[in-house]
Amino acid sequence: MHQPPTFEVDGDAIREERMQAGMTREELARQVGISRRYVCHLENGTRRHMTPAPYIALRTVLNATDERLRRTPPRPTEDQPPPHERE
């Protein structure tokens, strides 16, 4: 069975970036297109893996880099976001 690629994220970094942006969990969730509960799980570390679409949306909304939000560097076989979305 094939599993889609996931990105392991750092919940503390997500919380810090969200707070620095002056956003509530609800505002972040709405802009990313995920639930507030999911944001809570990411920030407290009970969920650490995100599929590409919500991860890219999260990174874009927070205007953060992969290096800031990810726990581990990408694996060589992992699909990278297009160059214009990595900034």
PDB file of N, CA and C in Angstrom:
ATOM      1  N   MET A   1       0.834  -1.181   0.000  1.00  0.00           N
ATOM      2  CA  MET A   1       0.000   0.000   0.000  1.00  0.00           C
ATOM      3  C   MET A   1       0.882   1.249   0.000  1.00  0.00           C
ATOM      4  N   HIS A   2       0.605   2.152  -0.881  1.00  0.00           N
ATOM      5  CA  HIS A   2       1.379   3.383  -1.029  1.00  0.00           C
ATOM      6  C   HIS A   2       0.800   4.452  -0.106  1.00  0.00           C
ATOM      7  N   GLN A   3       1.678   5.081   0.679  1.00  0.00           N
ATOM      8  CA  GLN A   3       1.259   6.180   1.533  1.00  0.00           C
ATOM      9  C   GLN A   3       1.740   7.488   0.926  1.00  0.00           C
ATOM     10  N   PRO A   4       0.898   8.515   0.980  1.00  0.00           N
ATOM     11  CA  PRO A   4       1.317   9.802   0.419  1.00  0.00           C
ATOM     12  C   PRO A   4       2.462  10.379   1.235  1.00  0.00           C
ATOM     13  N   PRO A   5       3.286  11.212   0.617  1.00  0.00           N
ATOM     14  CA  PRO A   5       4.385  11.836   1.361  1.00  0.00           C
ATOM     15  C   PRO A   5       3.820  12.758   2.435  1.00  0.00           C
ATOM     16  N   THR A   6       4.523  12.842   3.535  1.00  0.00           N
ATOM     17  CA  THR A   6       4.120  13.748   4.600  1.00  0.00           C
ATOM     18  C   THR A   6       5.313  14.585   5.025  1.00  0.00           C
ATOM     19  N   PHE A   7       5.008  15.676   5.705  1.00  0.00           N
ATOM     20  CA  PHE A   7       6.029  16.565   6.221  1.00  0.00           C
ATOM     21  C   PHE A   7       5.927  16.537   7.733  1.00  0.00           C
ATOM     22  N   GLU A   8       7.031  16.248   8.424  1.00  0.00           N
ATOM     23  CA  GLU A   8       7.037  16.263   9.875  1.00  0.00           C
ATOM     24  C   GLU A   8       7.313  17.692  10.329  1.00  0.00           C
ATOM     25  N   VAL A   9       6.370  18.241  11.087  1.00  0.00           N
ATOM     26  CA  VAL A   9       6.459  19.647  11.471  1.00  0.00           C
ATOM     27  C   VAL A   9       6.803  19.812  12.945  1.00  0.00           C
ATOM     28  N   ASP A  10       7.321  20.983  13.266  1.00  0.00           N
ATOM     29  CA  ASP A  10       7.693  21.355  14.628  1.00  0.00           C
ATOM     30  C   ASP A  10       6.573  22.210  15.210  1.00  0.00           C
ATOM     31  N   GLY A  11       5.815  21.648  16.140  1.00  0.00           N
ATOM     32  CA  GLY A  11       4.671  22.347  16.722  1.00  0.00           C
ATOM     33  C   GLY A  11       5.047  23.632  17.433  1.00  0.00           C
ATOM     34  N   ASP A  12       6.191  23.630  18.116  1.00  0.00           N
ATOM     35  CA  ASP A  12       6.625  24.848  18.803  1.00  0.00           C
ATOM     36  C   ASP A  12       6.878  25.973  17.804  1.00  0.00           C
ATOM     37  N   ALA A  13       7.476  25.629  16.673  1.00  0.00           N
ATOM     38  CA  ALA A  13       7.742  26.641  15.646  1.00  0.00           C
ATOM     39  C   ALA A  13       6.437  27.162  15.050  1.00  0.00           C
ATOM     40  N   ILE A  14       5.473  26.271  14.842  1.00  0.00           N
ATOM     41  CA  ILE A  14       4.178  26.709  14.311  1.00  0.00           C
ATOM     42  C   ILE A  14       3.538  27.697  15.281  1.00  0.00           C
ATOM     43  N   ARG A  15       3.518  27.364  16.554  1.00  0.00           N
ATOM     44  CA  ARG A  15       2.933  28.249  17.564  1.00  0.00           C
ATOM     45  C   ARG A  15       3.653  29.597  17.581  1.00  0.00           C
ATOM     46  N   GLU A  16       4.982  29.573  17.584  1.00  0.00           N
ATOM     47  CA  GLU A  16       5.750  30.816  17.615  1.00  0.00           C
ATOM     48  C   GLU A  16       5.475  31.677  16.391  1.00  0.00           C
ATOM     49  N   GLU A  17       5.447  31.055  15.221  1.00  0.00           N
ATOM     50  CA  GLU A  17       5.189  31.805  13.982  1.00  0.00           C
ATOM     51  C   GLU A  17       3.772  32.365  13.978  1.00  0.00           C
ATOM     52  N   ARG A  18       2.808  31.583  14.453  1.00  0.00           N
ATOM     53  CA  ARG A  18       1.418  32.050  14.513  1.00  0.00           C
ATOM     54  C   ARG A  18       1.306  33.250  15.447  1.00  0.00           C
ATOM     55  N   MET A  19       1.911  33.134  16.607  1.00  0.00           N
ATOM     56  CA  MET A  19       1.830  34.227  17.577  1.00  0.00           C
ATOM     57  C   MET A  19       2.558  35.470  17.084  1.00  0.00           C
ATOM     58  N   GLN A  20       3.687  35.270  16.423  1.00  0.00           N
ATOM     59  CA  GLN A  20       4.428  36.402  15.865  1.00  0.00           C
ATOM     60  C   GLN A  20       3.602  37.112  14.796  1.00  0.00           C
ATOM     61  N   ALA A  21       2.790  36.332  14.073  1.00  0.00           N
ATOM     62  CA  ALA A  21       1.924  36.913  13.048  1.00  0.00           C
ATOM     63  C   ALA A  21       0.677  37.560  13.654  1.00  0.00           C
ATOM     64  N   GLY A  22       0.493  37.403  14.972  1.00  0.00           N
ATOM     65  CA  GLY A  22      -0.659  38.005  15.640  1.00  0.00           C
ATOM     66  C   GLY A  22      -1.965  37.308  15.321  1.00  0.00           C
ATOM     67  N   MET A  23      -1.896  36.001  15.077  1.00  0.00           N
ATOM     68  CA  MET A  23      -3.086  35.242  14.693  1.00  0.00           C
ATOM     69  C   MET A  23      -3.529  34.318  15.820  1.00  0.00           C
ATOM     70  N   THR A  24      -4.835  34.088  15.889  1.00  0.00           N
ATOM     71  CA  THR A  24      -5.359  33.074  16.794  1.00  0.00           C
ATOM     72  C   THR A  24      -5.307  31.732  16.068  1.00  0.00           C
ATOM     73  N   ARG A  25      -5.492  30.665  16.820  1.00  0.00           N
ATOM     74  CA  ARG A  25      -5.535  29.338  16.188  1.00  0.00           C
ATOM     75  C   ARG A  25      -6.684  29.268  15.194  1.00  0.00           C
ATOM     76  N   GLU A  26      -7.806  29.865  15.546  1.00  0.00           N
ATOM     77  CA  GLU A  26      -8.964  29.849  14.659  1.00  0.00           C
ATOM     78  C   GLU A  26      -8.678  30.590  13.353  1.00  0.00           C
ATOM     79  N   GLU A  27      -8.038  31.747  13.447  1.00  0.00           N
ATOM     80  CA  GLU A  27      -7.701  32.506  12.236  1.00  0.00           C
ATOM     81  C   GLU A  27      -6.747  31.713  11.347  1.00  0.00           C
ATOM     82  N   LEU A  28      -5.729  31.114  11.956  1.00  0.00           N
ATOM     83  CA  LEU A  28      -4.778  30.316  11.181  1.00  0.00           C
ATOM     84  C   LEU A  28      -5.488  29.155  10.511  1.00  0.00           C
ATOM     85  N   ALA A  29      -6.309  28.458  11.274  1.00  0.00           N
ATOM     86  CA  ALA A  29      -7.029  27.305  10.726  1.00  0.00           C
ATOM     87  C   ALA A  29      -7.884  27.707   9.530  1.00  0.00           C
ATOM     88  N   ARG A  30      -8.616  28.796   9.670  1.00  0.00           N
ATOM     89  CA  ARG A  30      -9.495  29.249   8.587  1.00  0.00           C
ATOM     90  C   ARG A  30      -8.688  29.581   7.331  1.00  0.00           C
ATOM     91  N   GLN A  31      -7.573  30.285   7.505  1.00  0.00           N
ATOM     92  CA  GLN A  31      -6.774  30.677   6.341  1.00  0.00           C
ATOM     93  C   GLN A  31      -6.083  29.487   5.681  1.00  0.00           C
ATOM     94  N   VAL A  32      -5.699  28.504   6.470  1.00  0.00           N
ATOM     95  CA  VAL A  32      -5.016  27.329   5.918  1.00  0.00           C
ATOM     96  C   VAL A  32      -6.015  26.329   5.339  1.00  0.00           C
ATOM     97  N   GLY A  33      -7.251  26.337   5.866  1.00  0.00           N
ATOM     98  CA  GLY A  33      -8.254  25.386   5.409  1.00  0.00           C
ATOM     99  C   GLY A  33      -8.238  24.089   6.212  1.00  0.00           C
ATOM    100  N   ILE A  34      -7.857  24.203   7.488  1.00  0.00           N
ATOM    101  CA  ILE A  34      -7.870  23.050   8.391  1.00  0.00           C
ATOM    102  C   ILE A  34      -8.671  23.446   9.626  1.00  0.00           C
ATOM    103  N   SER A  35      -8.927  22.491  10.505  1.00  0.00           N
ATOM    104  CA  SER A  35      -9.706  22.799  11.705  1.00  0.00           C
ATOM    105  C   SER A  35      -8.824  23.413  12.791  1.00  0.00           C
ATOM    106  N   ARG A  36      -9.472  24.160  13.688  1.00  0.00           N
ATOM    107  CA  ARG A  36      -8.760  24.727  14.826  1.00  0.00           C
ATOM    108  C   ARG A  36      -8.213  23.598  15.695  1.00  0.00           C
ATOM    109  N   ARG A  37      -8.951  22.529  15.803  1.00  0.00           N
ATOM    110  CA  ARG A  37      -8.497  21.377  16.586  1.00  0.00           C
ATOM    111  C   ARG A  37      -7.209  20.794  16.006  1.00  0.00           C
ATOM    112  N   TYR A  38      -7.139  20.722  14.690  1.00  0.00           N
ATOM    113  CA  TYR A  38      -5.929  20.198  14.043  1.00  0.00           C
ATOM    114  C   TYR A  38      -4.733  21.114  14.337  1.00  0.00           C
ATOM    115  N   VAL A  39      -4.961  22.431  14.306  1.00  0.00           N
ATOM    116  CA  VAL A  39      -3.891  23.374  14.651  1.00  0.00           C
ATOM    117  C   VAL A  39      -3.434  23.111  16.082  1.00  0.00           C
ATOM    118  N   CYS A  40      -4.384  22.915  16.995  1.00  0.00           N
ATOM    119  CA  CYS A  40      -4.041  22.616  18.399  1.00  0.00           C
ATOM    120  C   CYS A  40      -3.183  21.359  18.478  1.00  0.00           C
ATOM    121  N   HIS A  41      -3.581  20.317  17.764  1.00  0.00           N
ATOM    122  CA  HIS A  41      -2.827  19.061  17.777  1.00  0.00           C
ATOM    123  C   HIS A  41      -1.420  19.251  17.218  1.00  0.00           C
ATOM    124  N   LEU A  42      -1.289  20.039  16.176  1.00  0.00           N
ATOM    125  CA  LEU A  42       0.032  20.296  15.611  1.00  0.00           C
ATOM    126  C   LEU A  42       0.901  21.054  16.606  1.00  0.00           C
ATOM    127  N   GLU A  43       0.342  22.086  17.207  1.00  0.00           N
ATOM    128  CA  GLU A  43       1.121  22.908  18.121  1.00  0.00           C
ATOM    129  C   GLU A  43       1.533  22.163  19.391  1.00  0.00           C
ATOM    130  N   ASN A  44       0.671  21.269  19.887  1.00  0.00           N
ATOM    131  CA  ASN A  44       1.040  20.559  21.113  1.00  0.00           C
ATOM    132  C   ASN A  44       1.764  19.248  20.849  1.00  0.00           C
ATOM    133  N   GLY A  45       1.972  18.915  19.579  1.00  0.00           N
ATOM    134  CA  GLY A  45       2.788  17.763  19.227  1.00  0.00           C
ATOM    135  C   GLY A  45       2.069  16.429  19.158  1.00  0.00           C
ATOM    136  N   THR A  46       0.755  16.404  19.355  1.00  0.00           N
ATOM    137  CA  THR A  46       0.054  15.129  19.235  1.00  0.00           C
ATOM    138  C   THR A  46      -0.127  14.723  17.782  1.00  0.00           C
ATOM    139  N   ARG A  47      -0.020  15.668  16.878  1.00  0.00           N
ATOM    140  CA  ARG A  47       0.042  15.395  15.432  1.00  0.00           C
ATOM    141  C   ARG A  47       1.300  16.084  14.920  1.00  0.00           C
ATOM    142  N   ARG A  48       2.106  15.341  14.171  1.00  0.00           N
ATOM    143  CA  ARG A  48       3.354  15.937  13.679  1.00  0.00           C
ATOM    144  C   ARG A  48       3.524  15.813  12.172  1.00  0.00           C
ATOM    145  N   HIS A  49       2.630  15.099  11.521  1.00  0.00           N
ATOM    146  CA  HIS A  49       2.776  14.876  10.088  1.00  0.00           C
ATOM    147  C   HIS A  49       1.634  15.536   9.330  1.00  0.00           C
ATOM    148  N   MET A  50       2.009  16.243   8.277  1.00  0.00           N
ATOM    149  CA  MET A  50       1.030  16.909   7.424  1.00  0.00           C
ATOM    150  C   MET A  50       1.239  16.474   5.982  1.00  0.00           C
ATOM    151  N   THR A  51       0.157  16.342   5.249  1.00  0.00           N
ATOM    152  CA  THR A  51       0.268  16.059   3.821  1.00  0.00           C
ATOM    153  C   THR A  51       0.658  17.356   3.109  1.00  0.00           C
ATOM    154  N   PRO A  52       1.129  17.251   1.876  1.00  0.00           N
ATOM    155  CA  PRO A  52       1.673  18.426   1.187  1.00  0.00           C
ATOM    156  C   PRO A  52       0.753  19.638   1.077  1.00  0.00           C
ATOM    157  N   ALA A  53      -0.494  19.456   0.666  1.00  0.00           N
ATOM    158  CA  ALA A  53      -1.362  20.625   0.434  1.00  0.00           C
ATOM    159  C   ALA A  53      -1.567  21.470   1.694  1.00  0.00           C
ATOM    160  N   PRO A  54      -1.974  20.893   2.841  1.00  0.00           N
ATOM    161  CA  PRO A  54      -2.132  21.743   4.015  1.00  0.00           C
ATOM    162  C   PRO A  54      -0.801  22.273   4.543  1.00  0.00           C
ATOM    163  N   TYR A  55       0.261  21.498   4.391  1.00  0.00           N
ATOM    164  CA  TYR A  55       1.571  21.987   4.842  1.00  0.00           C
ATOM    165  C   TYR A  55       1.983  23.224   4.048  1.00  0.00           C
ATOM    166  N   ILE A  56       1.833  23.172   2.738  1.00  0.00           N
ATOM    167  CA  ILE A  56       2.209  24.311   1.889  1.00  0.00           C
ATOM    168  C   ILE A  56       1.343  25.523   2.230  1.00  0.00           C
ATOM    169  N   ALA A  57       0.043  25.286   2.461  1.00  0.00           N
ATOM    170  CA  ALA A  57      -0.849  26.385   2.835  1.00  0.00           C
ATOM    171  C   ALA A  57      -0.422  26.983   4.178  1.00  0.00           C
ATOM    172  N   LEU A  58      -0.079  26.141   5.142  1.00  0.00           N
ATOM    173  CA  LEU A  58       0.370  26.603   6.456  1.00  0.00           C
ATOM    174  C   LEU A  58       1.632  27.452   6.326  1.00  0.00           C
ATOM    175  N   ARG A  59       2.581  26.925   5.573  1.00  0.00           N
ATOM    176  CA  ARG A  59       3.849  27.639   5.386  1.00  0.00           C
ATOM    177  C   ARG A  59       3.619  28.986   4.692  1.00  0.00           C
ATOM    178  N   THR A  60       2.719  29.011   3.736  1.00  0.00           N
ATOM    179  CA  THR A  60       2.430  30.235   3.000  1.00  0.00           C
ATOM    180  C   THR A  60       1.747  31.269   3.894  1.00  0.00           C
ATOM    181  N   VAL A  61       0.734  30.834   4.632  1.00  0.00           N
ATOM    182  CA  VAL A  61       0.001  31.756   5.511  1.00  0.00           C
ATOM    183  C   VAL A  61       0.928  32.338   6.574  1.00  0.00           C
ATOM    184  N   LEU A  62       1.809  31.503   7.125  1.00  0.00           N
ATOM    185  CA  LEU A  62       2.730  31.981   8.157  1.00  0.00           C
ATOM    186  C   LEU A  62       3.947  32.689   7.575  1.00  0.00           C
ATOM    187  N   ASN A  63       4.100  32.624   6.256  1.00  0.00           N
ATOM    188  CA  ASN A  63       5.256  33.213   5.588  1.00  0.00           C
ATOM    189  C   ASN A  63       6.553  32.695   6.225  1.00  0.00           C
ATOM    190  N   ALA A  64       6.596  31.381   6.407  1.00  0.00           N
ATOM    191  CA  ALA A  64       7.729  30.728   7.071  1.00  0.00           C
ATOM    192  C   ALA A  64       8.455  29.813   6.095  1.00  0.00           C
ATOM    193  N   THR A  65       9.667  29.462   6.442  1.00  0.00           N
ATOM    194  CA  THR A  65      10.469  28.579   5.597  1.00  0.00           C
ATOM    195  C   THR A  65      10.336  27.130   6.044  1.00  0.00           C
ATOM    196  N   ASP A  66      10.720  26.219   5.154  1.00  0.00           N
ATOM    197  CA  ASP A  66      10.765  24.798   5.501  1.00  0.00           C
ATOM    198  C   ASP A  66      11.688  24.577   6.692  1.00  0.00           C
ATOM    199  N   GLU A  67      12.815  25.263   6.689  1.00  0.00           N
ATOM    200  CA  GLU A  67      13.797  25.087   7.754  1.00  0.00           C
ATOM    201  C   GLU A  67      13.210  25.455   9.111  1.00  0.00           C
ATOM    202  N   ARG A  68      12.310  26.408   9.121  1.00  0.00           N
ATOM    203  CA  ARG A  68      11.691  26.844  10.368  1.00  0.00           C
ATOM    204  C   ARG A  68      10.593  25.883  10.834  1.00  0.00           C
ATOM    205  N   LEU A  69       9.778  25.401   9.928  1.00  0.00           N
ATOM    206  CA  LEU A  69       8.601  24.615  10.307  1.00  0.00           C
ATOM    207  C   LEU A  69       8.823  23.113  10.371  1.00  0.00           C
ATOM    208  N   ARG A  70       9.816  22.593   9.664  1.00  0.00           N
ATOM    209  CA  ARG A  70       9.981  21.144   9.601  1.00  0.00           C
ATOM    210  C   ARG A  70      10.915  20.624  10.679  1.00  0.00           C
ATOM    211  N   ARG A  71      10.600  19.448  11.172  1.00  0.00           N
ATOM    212  CA  ARG A  71      11.424  18.809  12.194  1.00  0.00           C
ATOM    213  C   ARG A  71      12.643  18.136  11.577  1.00  0.00           C
ATOM    214  N   THR A  72      12.489  17.588  10.405  1.00  0.00           N
ATOM    215  CA  THR A  72      13.584  16.875   9.760  1.00  0.00           C
ATOM    216  C   THR A  72      13.748  17.377   8.340  1.00  0.00           C
ATOM    217  N   PRO A  73      14.941  17.287   7.782  1.00  0.00           N
ATOM    218  CA  PRO A  73      15.111  17.699   6.387  1.00  0.00           C
ATOM    219  C   PRO A  73      14.372  16.730   5.469  1.00  0.00           C
ATOM    220  N   PRO A  74      14.020  17.177   4.287  1.00  0.00           N
ATOM    221  CA  PRO A  74      13.310  16.304   3.361  1.00  0.00           C
ATOM    222  C   PRO A  74      14.165  15.113   2.951  1.00  0.00           C
ATOM    223  N   ARG A  75      13.486  13.993   2.769  1.00  0.00           N
ATOM    224  CA  ARG A  75      14.188  12.809   2.270  1.00  0.00           C
ATOM    225  C   ARG A  75      14.430  12.995   0.783  1.00  0.00           C
ATOM    226  N   PRO A  76      15.496  12.395   0.242  1.00  0.00           N
ATOM    227  CA  PRO A  76      15.801  12.580  -1.184  1.00  0.00           C
ATOM    228  C   PRO A  76      14.665  12.149  -2.098  1.00  0.00           C
ATOM    229  N   THR A  77      13.847  11.204  -1.669  1.00  0.00           N
ATOM    230  CA  THR A  77      12.760  10.724  -2.522  1.00  0.00           C
ATOM    231  C   THR A  77      11.474  11.500  -2.328  1.00  0.00           C
ATOM    232  N   GLU A  78      11.455  12.454  -1.417  1.00  0.00           N
ATOM    233  CA  GLU A  78      10.265  13.218  -1.122  1.00  0.00           C
ATOM    234  C   GLU A  78      10.084  14.311  -2.156  1.00  0.00           C
ATOM    235  N   ASP A  79       8.868  14.457  -2.650  1.00  0.00           N
ATOM    236  CA  ASP A  79       8.584  15.517  -3.610  1.00  0.00           C
ATOM    237  C   ASP A  79       8.692  16.863  -2.915  1.00  0.00           C
ATOM    238  N   GLN A  80       9.392  17.778  -3.530  1.00  0.00           N
ATOM    239  CA  GLN A  80       9.548  19.133  -3.003  1.00  0.00           C
ATOM    240  C   GLN A  80       8.460  20.009  -3.597  1.00  0.00           C
ATOM    241  N   PRO A  81       8.020  21.038  -2.842  1.00  0.00           N
ATOM    242  CA  PRO A  81       7.098  21.999  -3.438  1.00  0.00           C
ATOM    243  C   PRO A  81       7.778  22.701  -4.600  1.00  0.00           C
ATOM    244  N   PRO A  82       6.994  23.184  -5.561  1.00  0.00           N
ATOM    245  CA  PRO A  82       7.596  23.917  -6.682  1.00  0.00           C
ATOM    246  C   PRO A  82       8.429  25.080  -6.152  1.00  0.00           C
ATOM    247  N   PRO A  83       9.484  25.485  -6.890  1.00  0.00           N
ATOM    248  CA  PRO A  83      10.391  26.541  -6.428  1.00  0.00           C
ATOM    249  C   PRO A  83       9.696  27.833  -6.008  1.00  0.00           C
ATOM    250  N   HIS A  84       8.668  28.247  -6.715  1.00  0.00           N
ATOM    251  CA  HIS A  84       7.999  29.508  -6.379  1.00  0.00           C
ATOM    252  C   HIS A  84       7.239  29.413  -5.062  1.00  0.00           C
ATOM    253  N   GLU A  85       6.984  28.204  -4.547  1.00  0.00           N
ATOM    254  CA  GLU A  85       6.268  28.044  -3.283  1.00  0.00           C
ATOM    255  C   GLU A  85       7.212  27.777  -2.113  1.00  0.00           C
ATOM    256  N   ARG A  86       8.493  27.654  -2.336  1.00  0.00           N
ATOM    257  CA  ARG A  86       9.458  27.342  -1.280  1.00  0.00           C
ATOM    258  C   ARG A  86       9.981  28.579  -0.565  1.00  0.00           C
ATOM    259  N   GLU A  87       9.692  29.743  -1.033  1.00  0.00           N
ATOM    260  CA  GLU A  87      10.267  30.966  -0.478  1.00  0.00           C
ATOM    261  C   GLU A  87       9.754  31.275   0.845  1.00  0.00           C
TER     262      GLU A  87
END
